[in-house]
């Protein structure tokens, strides 16, 4: 399993006054076995939203950070299959 960064663009919205707002761009980190698997996971996670998946790329995570996150329970074991989809921020 590896980590993949998914860049997502949510559709343009209008506010209550009818003014247009820009598209909202977000990035998510997904633990998956491949780029295709990461895309499938993020699409399932965001089902019901009007969005487009712009890009999926493999991430490099520092081994020390990975170890720390595992100790804190924020990162699954290598055999764990549960999808993890934290937001990375815009």
C-alpha atoms as a PDB file:
ATOM      1  CA  UNK A   1       0.000   0.000   0.000  1.00  0.00           C
ATOM      2  CA  UNK A   2       1.148   3.531  -0.722  1.00  0.00           C
ATOM      3  CA  UNK A   3      -0.190   7.049  -0.285  1.00  0.00           C
ATOM      4  CA  UNK A   4      -1.607   9.055  -3.182  1.00  0.00           C
ATOM      5  CA  UNK A   5      -2.489  12.735  -3.426  1.00  0.00           C
ATOM      6  CA  UNK A   6      -5.837  13.361  -5.117  1.00  0.00           C
ATOM      7  CA  UNK A   7      -6.515  16.871  -6.425  1.00  0.00           C
ATOM      8  CA  UNK A   8     -10.253  17.532  -6.557  1.00  0.00           C
ATOM      9  CA  UNK A   9     -12.194  20.507  -7.951  1.00  0.00           C
ATOM     10  CA  UNK A  10     -15.710  21.034  -6.656  1.00  0.00           C
ATOM     11  CA  UNK A  11     -18.145  22.636  -9.099  1.00  0.00           C
ATOM     12  CA  UNK A  12     -18.655  26.380  -9.156  1.00  0.00           C
ATOM     13  CA  UNK A  13     -21.299  27.526  -6.685  1.00  0.00           C
ATOM     14  CA  UNK A  14     -23.405  30.637  -6.199  1.00  0.00           C
ATOM     15  CA  UNK A  15     -24.114  32.199  -2.812  1.00  0.00           C
ATOM     16  CA  UNK A  16     -27.521  33.284  -1.485  1.00  0.00           C
ATOM     17  CA  UNK A  17     -27.254  36.641  -3.324  1.00  0.00           C
ATOM     18  CA  UNK A  18     -26.727  34.903  -6.660  1.00  0.00           C
ATOM     19  CA  UNK A  19     -23.076  35.936  -6.865  1.00  0.00           C
ATOM     20  CA  UNK A  20     -20.699  33.472  -8.490  1.00  0.00           C
ATOM     21  CA  UNK A  21     -17.916  32.005  -6.428  1.00  0.00           C
ATOM     22  CA  UNK A  22     -14.804  30.359  -7.749  1.00  0.00           C
ATOM     23  CA  UNK A  23     -14.420  26.615  -7.931  1.00  0.00           C
ATOM     24  CA  UNK A  24     -13.212  25.079  -4.698  1.00  0.00           C
ATOM     25  CA  UNK A  25      -9.969  23.093  -4.983  1.00  0.00           C
ATOM     26  CA  UNK A  26      -8.964  20.554  -2.345  1.00  0.00           C
ATOM     27  CA  UNK A  27      -6.327  17.863  -1.992  1.00  0.00           C
ATOM     28  CA  UNK A  28      -6.825  14.536  -0.238  1.00  0.00           C
ATOM     29  CA  UNK A  29      -4.367  11.857   0.813  1.00  0.00           C
ATOM     30  CA  UNK A  30      -5.564   8.328   0.094  1.00  0.00           C
ATOM     31  CA  UNK A  31      -3.930   5.073   1.141  1.00  0.00           C
ATOM     32  CA  UNK A  32      -4.335   2.643  -1.758  1.00  0.00           C
ATOM     33  CA  UNK A  33      -2.606  -0.065  -3.784  1.00  0.00           C
ATOM     34  CA  UNK A  34      -2.528   1.889  -7.072  1.00  0.00           C
ATOM     35  CA  UNK A  35      -3.468   5.169  -8.742  1.00  0.00           C
ATOM     36  CA  UNK A  36      -6.651   3.549 -10.056  1.00  0.00           C
ATOM     37  CA  UNK A  37      -7.540   2.284  -6.588  1.00  0.00           C
ATOM     38  CA  UNK A  38      -6.926   5.755  -5.095  1.00  0.00           C
ATOM     39  CA  UNK A  39      -9.212   7.331  -7.712  1.00  0.00           C
ATOM     40  CA  UNK A  40     -11.935   4.774  -6.950  1.00  0.00           C
ATOM     41  CA  UNK A  41     -11.632   5.376  -3.197  1.00  0.00           C
ATOM     42  CA  UNK A  42     -11.825   9.180  -3.475  1.00  0.00           C
ATOM     43  CA  UNK A  43     -14.766   8.981  -5.889  1.00  0.00           C
ATOM     44  CA  UNK A  44     -16.613   6.739  -3.430  1.00  0.00           C
ATOM     45  CA  UNK A  45     -15.718   9.021  -0.521  1.00  0.00           C
ATOM     46  CA  UNK A  46     -17.052  12.108  -2.345  1.00  0.00           C
ATOM     47  CA  UNK A  47     -20.118  10.434  -3.842  1.00  0.00           C
ATOM     48  CA  UNK A  48     -23.038  12.855  -3.985  1.00  0.00           C
ATOM     49  CA  UNK A  49     -20.856  15.937  -4.503  1.00  0.00           C
ATOM     50  CA  UNK A  50     -20.452  17.716  -7.837  1.00  0.00           C
ATOM     51  CA  UNK A  51     -16.682  17.431  -8.389  1.00  0.00           C
ATOM     52  CA  UNK A  52     -14.019  16.462 -10.877  1.00  0.00           C
ATOM     53  CA  UNK A  53     -10.863  14.536 -10.098  1.00  0.00           C
ATOM     54  CA  UNK A  54      -8.036  16.621 -11.539  1.00  0.00           C
ATOM     55  CA  UNK A  55      -4.990  14.498 -10.705  1.00  0.00           C
ATOM     56  CA  UNK A  56      -3.799  11.500  -8.665  1.00  0.00           C
ATOM     57  CA  UNK A  57      -0.089  11.223  -7.858  1.00  0.00           C
ATOM     58  CA  UNK A  58       1.942   8.975  -5.592  1.00  0.00           C
ATOM     59  CA  UNK A  59       3.193  10.697  -2.419  1.00  0.00           C
ATOM     60  CA  UNK A  60       6.503  10.225  -0.662  1.00  0.00           C
ATOM     61  CA  UNK A  61       6.131  10.160   3.124  1.00  0.00           C
ATOM     62  CA  UNK A  62       9.172  10.498   5.370  1.00  0.00           C
ATOM     63  CA  UNK A  63       9.773   7.145   7.154  1.00  0.00           C
ATOM     64  CA  UNK A  64      10.094   8.894  10.546  1.00  0.00           C
ATOM     65  CA  UNK A  65       6.757  10.647  10.030  1.00  0.00           C
ATOM     66  CA  UNK A  66       5.173   7.385   8.919  1.00  0.00           C
ATOM     67  CA  UNK A  67       6.437   5.672  12.098  1.00  0.00           C
ATOM     68  CA  UNK A  68       5.147   8.504  14.296  1.00  0.00           C
ATOM     69  CA  UNK A  69       1.709   8.464  12.645  1.00  0.00           C
ATOM     70  CA  UNK A  70       1.458   4.698  13.085  1.00  0.00           C
ATOM     71  CA  UNK A  71       2.292   5.031  16.813  1.00  0.00           C
ATOM     72  CA  UNK A  72      -0.414   7.686  17.175  1.00  0.00           C
ATOM     73  CA  UNK A  73      -2.930   5.444  15.414  1.00  0.00           C
ATOM     74  CA  UNK A  74      -3.345   7.916  12.551  1.00  0.00           C
ATOM     75  CA  UNK A  75      -1.884   5.557   9.983  1.00  0.00           C
ATOM     76  CA  UNK A  76      -2.953   1.951   9.510  1.00  0.00           C
ATOM     77  CA  UNK A  77      -0.728  -1.076   9.474  1.00  0.00           C
ATOM     78  CA  UNK A  78       0.670  -2.261   6.157  1.00  0.00           C
ATOM     79  CA  UNK A  79      -1.925  -5.050   6.019  1.00  0.00           C
ATOM     80  CA  UNK A  80      -4.881  -2.830   6.829  1.00  0.00           C
ATOM     81  CA  UNK A  81      -7.233  -2.281   3.871  1.00  0.00           C
ATOM     82  CA  UNK A  82      -9.532   0.397   5.306  1.00  0.00           C
ATOM     83  CA  UNK A  83      -9.452   3.496   3.070  1.00  0.00           C
ATOM     84  CA  UNK A  84      -7.996   6.610   4.690  1.00  0.00           C
ATOM     85  CA  UNK A  85      -8.908   9.952   3.187  1.00  0.00           C
ATOM     86  CA  UNK A  86      -7.657  12.949   5.210  1.00  0.00           C
ATOM     87  CA  UNK A  87      -7.898  16.404   3.650  1.00  0.00           C
ATOM     88  CA  UNK A  88      -4.517  18.035   2.972  1.00  0.00           C
ATOM     89  CA  UNK A  89      -5.916  21.549   2.607  1.00  0.00           C
ATOM     90  CA  UNK A  90      -6.017  23.840  -0.393  1.00  0.00           C
END
